[in-house]
Amino acid sequence: AYVQAAAAPVGPPVAQARLPLKVVAAASGAAICSVRPRGVPVAVALAPDVLAVLTRNGKSDLVSWYDAARGRQLGSVQVAPTAAPELAANDRLVVYRVGRTLRGLSLPSGRPRTLVRAAATPLDLSLSGSRLAWAENGNGTSRVRALTVG
């Protein structure tokens, strides 16, 4: 999945709310679907059947999820405006970060819940099956943490 960018008056191109987000086949580049999320996309996560997008629009930030094959929106939930521009997803859960707290958004129910409060700011979220992993740097040490999520 990729976010199209538009030319900015100064600096590099930037994402904009009016441009579509496209999912393409990695091997061939063939278009699979296209979605137009509400707001400016700041993070995406792609699972086998789900495309998740974190958007900002000035009034509220949203995590929205779509059918990755058809582009049909399946749901959306408002999240804290301090949510970091990073997502991880599988077909049942979208994980996002607010400060040191990792939150999980259940896709069947649309309900967010706190998964863990990390000792240091979590970086580089990864969700594979039911294993959530992230890195933490703090107090002169670095470590990779993991959590089994349902």
N, C-alpha and C. Protein backbone atom coordinates (compact mmCIF):
# COMPACT_ATOMS: atom_id res chain seq x y z
N ALA A 1 0.86 -1.17 0.00
CA ALA A 1 0.00 0.00 0.00
C ALA A 1 0.90 1.22 0.00
N TYR A 2 0.49 2.24 -0.68
CA TYR A 2 1.27 3.47 -0.66
C TYR A 2 0.36 4.68 -0.70
N VAL A 3 0.87 5.77 -0.15
CA VAL A 3 0.16 7.04 -0.09
C VAL A 3 0.75 7.95 -1.15
N GLN A 4 -0.11 8.45 -2.02
CA GLN A 4 0.36 9.39 -3.03
C GLN A 4 0.69 10.72 -2.34
N ALA A 5 1.66 11.41 -2.87
CA ALA A 5 2.05 12.70 -2.31
C ALA A 5 1.88 13.79 -3.35
N ALA A 6 1.67 15.01 -2.87
CA ALA A 6 1.54 16.17 -3.75
C ALA A 6 2.71 17.11 -3.49
N ALA A 7 3.04 17.88 -4.49
CA ALA A 7 4.13 18.84 -4.34
C ALA A 7 3.78 19.87 -3.28
N ALA A 8 4.77 20.19 -2.47
CA ALA A 8 4.62 21.23 -1.45
C ALA A 8 5.34 22.49 -1.93
N PRO A 9 4.91 23.67 -1.46
CA PRO A 9 5.58 24.90 -1.88
C PRO A 9 7.07 24.90 -1.54
N VAL A 10 7.41 24.30 -0.41
CA VAL A 10 8.81 24.21 0.03
C VAL A 10 9.01 22.82 0.62
N GLY A 11 10.11 22.19 0.32
CA GLY A 11 10.42 20.89 0.91
C GLY A 11 9.90 19.72 0.08
N PRO A 12 9.93 18.56 0.69
CA PRO A 12 9.53 17.34 -0.04
C PRO A 12 8.03 17.26 -0.23
N PRO A 13 7.58 16.38 -1.12
CA PRO A 13 6.14 16.18 -1.31
C PRO A 13 5.49 15.71 0.00
N VAL A 14 4.21 16.00 0.15
CA VAL A 14 3.49 15.63 1.37
C VAL A 14 2.17 14.95 1.02
N ALA A 15 1.71 14.09 1.95
CA ALA A 15 0.41 13.45 1.79
C ALA A 15 -0.69 14.50 1.95
N GLN A 16 -1.78 14.30 1.24
CA GLN A 16 -2.92 15.21 1.35
C GLN A 16 -4.20 14.40 1.41
N ALA A 17 -5.22 15.03 1.98
CA ALA A 17 -6.49 14.34 2.20
C ALA A 17 -7.20 13.99 0.89
N ARG A 18 -7.00 14.75 -0.14
CA ARG A 18 -7.79 14.52 -1.35
C ARG A 18 -7.23 13.43 -2.26
N LEU A 19 -6.04 12.92 -1.97
CA LEU A 19 -5.41 11.92 -2.82
C LEU A 19 -5.74 10.51 -2.34
N PRO A 20 -5.93 9.56 -3.26
CA PRO A 20 -6.26 8.19 -2.85
C PRO A 20 -5.04 7.46 -2.31
N LEU A 21 -5.32 6.46 -1.51
CA LEU A 21 -4.31 5.54 -1.01
C LEU A 21 -4.49 4.27 -1.83
N LYS A 22 -3.43 3.76 -2.43
CA LYS A 22 -3.55 2.64 -3.34
C LYS A 22 -2.87 1.40 -2.79
N VAL A 23 -3.50 0.26 -3.04
CA VAL A 23 -2.91 -1.04 -2.74
C VAL A 23 -2.58 -1.69 -4.07
N VAL A 24 -1.31 -2.10 -4.21
CA VAL A 24 -0.87 -2.73 -5.46
C VAL A 24 -0.17 -4.05 -5.12
N ALA A 25 -0.15 -4.95 -6.09
CA ALA A 25 0.57 -6.21 -5.94
C ALA A 25 2.07 -5.92 -5.97
N ALA A 26 2.80 -6.44 -4.98
CA ALA A 26 4.23 -6.16 -4.89
C ALA A 26 5.00 -6.67 -6.10
N ALA A 27 4.67 -7.85 -6.57
CA ALA A 27 5.43 -8.45 -7.67
C ALA A 27 5.19 -7.77 -9.01
N SER A 28 3.93 -7.44 -9.29
CA SER A 28 3.60 -6.92 -10.62
C SER A 28 3.30 -5.42 -10.66
N GLY A 29 2.94 -4.86 -9.53
CA GLY A 29 2.53 -3.46 -9.50
C GLY A 29 1.09 -3.26 -9.93
N ALA A 30 0.37 -4.36 -10.17
CA ALA A 30 -1.03 -4.26 -10.60
C ALA A 30 -1.89 -3.71 -9.46
N ALA A 31 -2.80 -2.82 -9.82
CA ALA A 31 -3.69 -2.22 -8.82
C ALA A 31 -4.64 -3.27 -8.24
N ILE A 32 -4.77 -3.28 -6.91
CA ILE A 32 -5.71 -4.17 -6.24
C ILE A 32 -6.93 -3.39 -5.79
N CYS A 33 -6.72 -2.27 -5.13
CA CYS A 33 -7.83 -1.41 -4.74
C CYS A 33 -7.30 -0.02 -4.43
N SER A 34 -8.23 0.89 -4.24
CA SER A 34 -7.90 2.26 -3.91
C SER A 34 -8.92 2.75 -2.89
N VAL A 35 -8.47 3.49 -1.88
CA VAL A 35 -9.38 4.04 -0.87
C VAL A 35 -9.11 5.53 -0.71
N ARG A 36 -10.12 6.24 -0.28
CA ARG A 36 -9.98 7.67 0.01
C ARG A 36 -10.33 7.87 1.48
N PRO A 37 -9.32 7.79 2.35
CA PRO A 37 -9.59 7.95 3.77
C PRO A 37 -9.98 9.39 4.10
N ARG A 38 -10.71 9.57 5.20
CA ARG A 38 -11.07 10.90 5.67
C ARG A 38 -9.88 11.48 6.41
N GLY A 39 -9.32 12.54 5.89
CA GLY A 39 -8.17 13.18 6.51
C GLY A 39 -6.87 12.82 5.78
N VAL A 40 -5.77 13.31 6.34
CA VAL A 40 -4.45 13.09 5.77
C VAL A 40 -3.88 11.79 6.34
N PRO A 41 -3.55 10.82 5.49
CA PRO A 41 -2.98 9.58 6.00
C PRO A 41 -1.57 9.81 6.54
N VAL A 42 -1.33 9.36 7.77
CA VAL A 42 -0.01 9.51 8.38
C VAL A 42 0.64 8.16 8.68
N ALA A 43 -0.14 7.07 8.63
CA ALA A 43 0.41 5.73 8.83
C ALA A 43 -0.51 4.71 8.17
N VAL A 44 0.07 3.66 7.63
CA VAL A 44 -0.70 2.56 7.05
C VAL A 44 -0.13 1.24 7.53
N ALA A 45 -0.98 0.23 7.60
CA ALA A 45 -0.57 -1.14 7.88
C ALA A 45 -1.39 -2.04 6.98
N LEU A 46 -0.74 -3.03 6.41
CA LEU A 46 -1.41 -3.93 5.49
C LEU A 46 -1.27 -5.36 5.99
N ALA A 47 -2.40 -6.01 6.19
CA ALA A 47 -2.47 -7.42 6.56
C ALA A 47 -3.05 -8.17 5.35
N PRO A 48 -3.09 -9.50 5.39
CA PRO A 48 -3.61 -10.21 4.21
C PRO A 48 -4.99 -9.74 3.74
N ASP A 49 -5.90 -9.46 4.68
CA ASP A 49 -7.26 -9.08 4.28
C ASP A 49 -7.66 -7.68 4.70
N VAL A 50 -6.79 -6.97 5.41
CA VAL A 50 -7.16 -5.67 5.99
C VAL A 50 -6.10 -4.62 5.68
N LEU A 51 -6.56 -3.44 5.30
CA LEU A 51 -5.73 -2.25 5.18
C LEU A 51 -6.16 -1.31 6.30
N ALA A 52 -5.22 -0.91 7.16
CA ALA A 52 -5.53 0.02 8.25
C ALA A 52 -4.82 1.34 7.98
N VAL A 53 -5.49 2.45 8.28
CA VAL A 53 -4.96 3.78 8.01
C VAL A 53 -5.20 4.69 9.21
N LEU A 54 -4.17 5.38 9.65
CA LEU A 54 -4.30 6.42 10.66
C LEU A 54 -4.32 7.75 9.93
N THR A 55 -5.38 8.54 10.14
CA THR A 55 -5.51 9.83 9.47
C THR A 55 -5.66 10.95 10.48
N ARG A 56 -5.23 12.15 10.05
CA ARG A 56 -5.41 13.37 10.84
C ARG A 56 -6.20 14.34 9.97
N ASN A 57 -7.17 15.02 10.59
CA ASN A 57 -7.93 16.00 9.81
C ASN A 57 -8.16 17.30 10.55
N GLY A 58 -7.47 17.52 11.66
CA GLY A 58 -7.60 18.76 12.39
C GLY A 58 -8.62 18.68 13.51
N LYS A 59 -9.73 18.00 13.30
CA LYS A 59 -10.75 17.87 14.33
C LYS A 59 -10.57 16.60 15.14
N SER A 60 -10.32 15.51 14.46
CA SER A 60 -10.14 14.24 15.15
C SER A 60 -9.24 13.34 14.33
N ASP A 61 -8.50 12.49 15.01
CA ASP A 61 -7.68 11.49 14.33
C ASP A 61 -8.47 10.19 14.30
N LEU A 62 -8.33 9.46 13.22
CA LEU A 62 -9.09 8.22 13.05
C LEU A 62 -8.17 7.08 12.67
N VAL A 63 -8.49 5.89 13.17
CA VAL A 63 -7.97 4.66 12.59
C VAL A 63 -9.14 4.07 11.84
N SER A 64 -8.95 3.89 10.54
CA SER A 64 -9.99 3.29 9.69
C SER A 64 -9.43 2.01 9.12
N TRP A 65 -10.30 1.04 8.88
CA TRP A 65 -9.86 -0.20 8.27
C TRP A 65 -10.78 -0.56 7.12
N TYR A 66 -10.15 -1.21 6.13
CA TYR A 66 -10.79 -1.48 4.85
C TYR A 66 -10.53 -2.93 4.44
N ASP A 67 -11.41 -3.44 3.61
CA ASP A 67 -11.18 -4.72 2.95
C ASP A 67 -10.02 -4.49 1.96
N ALA A 68 -8.92 -5.18 2.15
CA ALA A 68 -7.71 -4.92 1.35
C ALA A 68 -7.87 -5.34 -0.11
N ALA A 69 -8.83 -6.19 -0.41
CA ALA A 69 -9.03 -6.62 -1.80
C ALA A 69 -10.00 -5.73 -2.57
N ARG A 70 -10.99 -5.18 -1.86
CA ARG A 70 -12.04 -4.41 -2.53
C ARG A 70 -12.02 -2.92 -2.22
N GLY A 71 -11.34 -2.52 -1.14
CA GLY A 71 -11.30 -1.11 -0.78
C GLY A 71 -12.51 -0.63 -0.02
N ARG A 72 -13.40 -1.53 0.35
CA ARG A 72 -14.61 -1.15 1.09
C ARG A 72 -14.27 -0.89 2.55
N GLN A 73 -14.72 0.26 3.07
CA GLN A 73 -14.46 0.58 4.48
C GLN A 73 -15.26 -0.35 5.37
N LEU A 74 -14.57 -0.93 6.35
CA LEU A 74 -15.20 -1.86 7.28
C LEU A 74 -15.50 -1.19 8.62
N GLY A 75 -14.78 -0.12 8.94
CA GLY A 75 -15.02 0.58 10.20
C GLY A 75 -14.00 1.68 10.44
N SER A 76 -14.25 2.48 11.46
CA SER A 76 -13.31 3.51 11.88
C SER A 76 -13.59 3.86 13.33
N VAL A 77 -12.54 4.30 14.01
CA VAL A 77 -12.63 4.68 15.42
C VAL A 77 -11.78 5.92 15.64
N GLN A 78 -12.32 6.86 16.39
CA GLN A 78 -11.56 8.05 16.74
C GLN A 78 -10.50 7.67 17.76
N VAL A 79 -9.28 8.20 17.58
CA VAL A 79 -8.18 7.94 18.51
C VAL A 79 -7.61 9.26 19.01
N ALA A 80 -6.79 9.19 20.03
CA ALA A 80 -6.20 10.39 20.62
C ALA A 80 -5.39 11.16 19.58
N PRO A 81 -5.45 12.49 19.62
CA PRO A 81 -4.68 13.28 18.65
C PRO A 81 -3.17 13.15 18.85
N THR A 82 -2.75 12.55 19.96
CA THR A 82 -1.33 12.32 20.23
C THR A 82 -0.88 10.94 19.78
N ALA A 83 -1.73 10.21 19.06
CA ALA A 83 -1.33 8.90 18.54
C ALA A 83 -0.14 9.06 17.60
N ALA A 84 0.87 8.22 17.79
CA ALA A 84 2.08 8.28 16.95
C ALA A 84 1.75 7.82 15.54
N PRO A 85 2.46 8.33 14.54
CA PRO A 85 2.21 7.94 13.14
C PRO A 85 2.81 6.58 12.83
N GLU A 86 2.28 5.54 13.48
CA GLU A 86 2.77 4.18 13.29
C GLU A 86 1.65 3.21 13.60
N LEU A 87 1.48 2.21 12.76
CA LEU A 87 0.46 1.17 12.95
C LEU A 87 1.07 -0.20 12.68
N ALA A 88 0.47 -1.21 13.30
CA ALA A 88 0.74 -2.61 12.96
C ALA A 88 -0.62 -3.29 12.91
N ALA A 89 -0.78 -4.27 12.03
CA ALA A 89 -2.09 -4.90 11.90
C ALA A 89 -1.98 -6.36 11.49
N ASN A 90 -2.97 -7.13 11.93
CA ASN A 90 -3.25 -8.43 11.35
C ASN A 90 -4.72 -8.38 10.95
N ASP A 91 -5.33 -9.48 10.63
CA ASP A 91 -6.72 -9.44 10.16
C ASP A 91 -7.74 -9.28 11.29
N ARG A 92 -7.28 -9.28 12.55
CA ARG A 92 -8.19 -9.16 13.69
C ARG A 92 -7.92 -7.96 14.59
N LEU A 93 -6.72 -7.35 14.47
CA LEU A 93 -6.29 -6.33 15.42
C LEU A 93 -5.44 -5.28 14.72
N VAL A 94 -5.65 -4.02 15.09
CA VAL A 94 -4.77 -2.92 14.69
C VAL A 94 -4.15 -2.37 15.96
N VAL A 95 -2.83 -2.20 15.96
CA VAL A 95 -2.12 -1.69 17.12
C VAL A 95 -1.58 -0.31 16.79
N TYR A 96 -1.76 0.62 17.73
CA TYR A 96 -1.23 1.96 17.60
C TYR A 96 -0.65 2.39 18.94
N ARG A 97 0.11 3.49 18.94
CA ARG A 97 0.79 3.94 20.15
C ARG A 97 0.36 5.35 20.52
N VAL A 98 0.12 5.55 21.80
CA VAL A 98 -0.13 6.88 22.36
C VAL A 98 0.85 7.02 23.53
N GLY A 99 1.89 7.85 23.34
CA GLY A 99 2.93 7.95 24.36
C GLY A 99 3.64 6.61 24.51
N ARG A 100 3.69 6.09 25.73
CA ARG A 100 4.32 4.79 25.98
C ARG A 100 3.30 3.66 26.00
N THR A 101 2.05 3.96 25.72
CA THR A 101 0.98 2.97 25.77
C THR A 101 0.68 2.41 24.39
N LEU A 102 0.67 1.08 24.29
CA LEU A 102 0.26 0.43 23.06
C LEU A 102 -1.20 0.05 23.21
N ARG A 103 -1.99 0.45 22.22
CA ARG A 103 -3.42 0.20 22.22
C ARG A 103 -3.77 -0.73 21.06
N GLY A 104 -4.70 -1.63 21.31
CA GLY A 104 -5.14 -2.56 20.30
C GLY A 104 -6.60 -2.30 19.96
N LEU A 105 -6.88 -2.25 18.70
CA LEU A 105 -8.24 -2.01 18.21
C LEU A 105 -8.75 -3.32 17.62
N SER A 106 -9.72 -3.94 18.31
CA SER A 106 -10.31 -5.18 17.83
C SER A 106 -11.15 -4.89 16.59
N LEU A 107 -10.82 -5.53 15.48
CA LEU A 107 -11.57 -5.25 14.26
C LEU A 107 -12.98 -5.84 14.27
N PRO A 108 -13.19 -7.02 14.85
CA PRO A 108 -14.58 -7.49 14.89
C PRO A 108 -15.51 -6.59 15.69
N SER A 109 -15.03 -6.06 16.81
CA SER A 109 -15.91 -5.25 17.67
C SER A 109 -15.75 -3.75 17.46
N GLY A 110 -14.60 -3.31 16.94
CA GLY A 110 -14.33 -1.89 16.81
C GLY A 110 -13.97 -1.22 18.12
N ARG A 111 -13.64 -2.00 19.14
CA ARG A 111 -13.34 -1.44 20.47
C ARG A 111 -11.83 -1.42 20.72
N PRO A 112 -11.31 -0.26 21.12
CA PRO A 112 -9.89 -0.20 21.48
C PRO A 112 -9.69 -0.61 22.94
N ARG A 113 -8.49 -1.12 23.23
CA ARG A 113 -8.14 -1.46 24.61
C ARG A 113 -6.64 -1.28 24.79
N THR A 114 -6.23 -1.04 26.02
CA THR A 114 -4.82 -0.93 26.33
C THR A 114 -4.20 -2.32 26.34
N LEU A 115 -3.11 -2.49 25.61
CA LEU A 115 -2.39 -3.76 25.59
C LEU A 115 -1.26 -3.77 26.61
N VAL A 116 -0.48 -2.69 26.66
CA VAL A 116 0.65 -2.62 27.58
C VAL A 116 1.13 -1.18 27.68
N ARG A 117 1.68 -0.84 28.83
CA ARG A 117 2.38 0.44 29.00
C ARG A 117 3.86 0.09 29.09
N ALA A 118 4.61 0.51 28.11
CA ALA A 118 6.02 0.14 27.99
C ALA A 118 6.89 0.97 28.94
N ALA A 119 8.05 0.45 29.25
CA ALA A 119 9.00 1.15 30.13
C ALA A 119 9.60 2.36 29.43
N ALA A 120 9.74 2.30 28.12
CA ALA A 120 10.26 3.41 27.31
C ALA A 120 9.38 3.50 26.07
N THR A 121 9.53 4.56 25.31
CA THR A 121 8.71 4.76 24.12
C THR A 121 8.88 3.61 23.13
N PRO A 122 7.81 2.90 22.80
CA PRO A 122 7.89 1.79 21.84
C PRO A 122 8.16 2.30 20.42
N LEU A 123 9.01 1.58 19.71
CA LEU A 123 9.38 1.92 18.34
C LEU A 123 9.20 0.70 17.44
N ASP A 124 8.94 0.93 16.18
CA ASP A 124 8.92 -0.13 15.16
C ASP A 124 8.00 -1.29 15.52
N LEU A 125 6.71 -1.00 15.61
CA LEU A 125 5.73 -2.03 15.94
C LEU A 125 5.67 -3.09 14.85
N SER A 126 5.52 -4.35 15.27
CA SER A 126 5.39 -5.46 14.34
C SER A 126 4.36 -6.42 14.91
N LEU A 127 3.39 -6.82 14.09
CA LEU A 127 2.36 -7.75 14.50
C LEU A 127 2.33 -8.90 13.51
N SER A 128 2.71 -10.08 13.98
CA SER A 128 2.73 -11.27 13.14
C SER A 128 1.93 -12.36 13.85
N GLY A 129 0.81 -12.73 13.26
CA GLY A 129 -0.08 -13.67 13.94
C GLY A 129 -0.56 -13.04 15.23
N SER A 130 -0.29 -13.70 16.35
CA SER A 130 -0.71 -13.15 17.64
C SER A 130 0.47 -12.59 18.42
N ARG A 131 1.62 -12.39 17.77
CA ARG A 131 2.80 -11.86 18.45
C ARG A 131 3.04 -10.42 18.05
N LEU A 132 2.95 -9.54 19.04
CA LEU A 132 3.26 -8.12 18.87
C LEU A 132 4.67 -7.89 19.38
N ALA A 133 5.52 -7.26 18.59
CA ALA A 133 6.89 -6.96 19.00
C ALA A 133 7.18 -5.49 18.76
N TRP A 134 8.09 -4.94 19.56
CA TRP A 134 8.51 -3.56 19.40
C TRP A 134 9.88 -3.39 20.05
N ALA A 135 10.54 -2.30 19.74
CA ALA A 135 11.84 -1.98 20.34
C ALA A 135 11.65 -0.88 21.36
N GLU A 136 12.50 -0.88 22.38
CA GLU A 136 12.54 0.18 23.39
C GLU A 136 13.99 0.59 23.59
N ASN A 137 14.23 1.90 23.65
CA ASN A 137 15.54 2.44 23.97
C ASN A 137 15.39 3.31 25.20
N GLY A 138 16.20 3.07 26.22
CA GLY A 138 16.12 3.90 27.41
C GLY A 138 17.18 3.53 28.42
N ASN A 139 17.62 4.51 29.18
CA ASN A 139 18.64 4.31 30.22
C ASN A 139 19.90 3.64 29.69
N GLY A 140 20.30 3.99 28.49
CA GLY A 140 21.51 3.45 27.91
C GLY A 140 21.40 2.02 27.41
N THR A 141 20.19 1.47 27.38
CA THR A 141 20.01 0.10 26.89
C THR A 141 18.95 0.08 25.80
N SER A 142 19.01 -0.97 25.02
CA SER A 142 17.99 -1.20 23.99
C SER A 142 17.51 -2.63 24.13
N ARG A 143 16.23 -2.84 23.86
CA ARG A 143 15.71 -4.20 23.90
C ARG A 143 14.52 -4.33 22.98
N VAL A 144 14.27 -5.56 22.59
CA VAL A 144 13.10 -5.90 21.80
C VAL A 144 12.14 -6.61 22.75
N ARG A 145 10.92 -6.13 22.78
CA ARG A 145 9.89 -6.71 23.66
C ARG A 145 8.84 -7.39 22.79
N ALA A 146 8.15 -8.35 23.37
CA ALA A 146 7.10 -9.06 22.64
C ALA A 146 5.96 -9.37 23.59
N LEU A 147 4.77 -9.45 23.03
CA LEU A 147 3.56 -9.71 23.79
C LEU A 147 2.63 -10.56 22.92
N THR A 148 2.03 -11.57 23.51
CA THR A 148 1.03 -12.33 22.79
C THR A 148 -0.31 -11.62 22.94
N VAL A 149 -0.94 -11.34 21.81
CA VAL A 149 -2.24 -10.62 21.82
C VAL A 149 -3.30 -11.52 21.20
N GLY A 150 -4.53 -11.34 21.66
CA GLY A 150 -5.62 -12.18 21.16
C GLY A 150 -6.49 -11.48 20.18
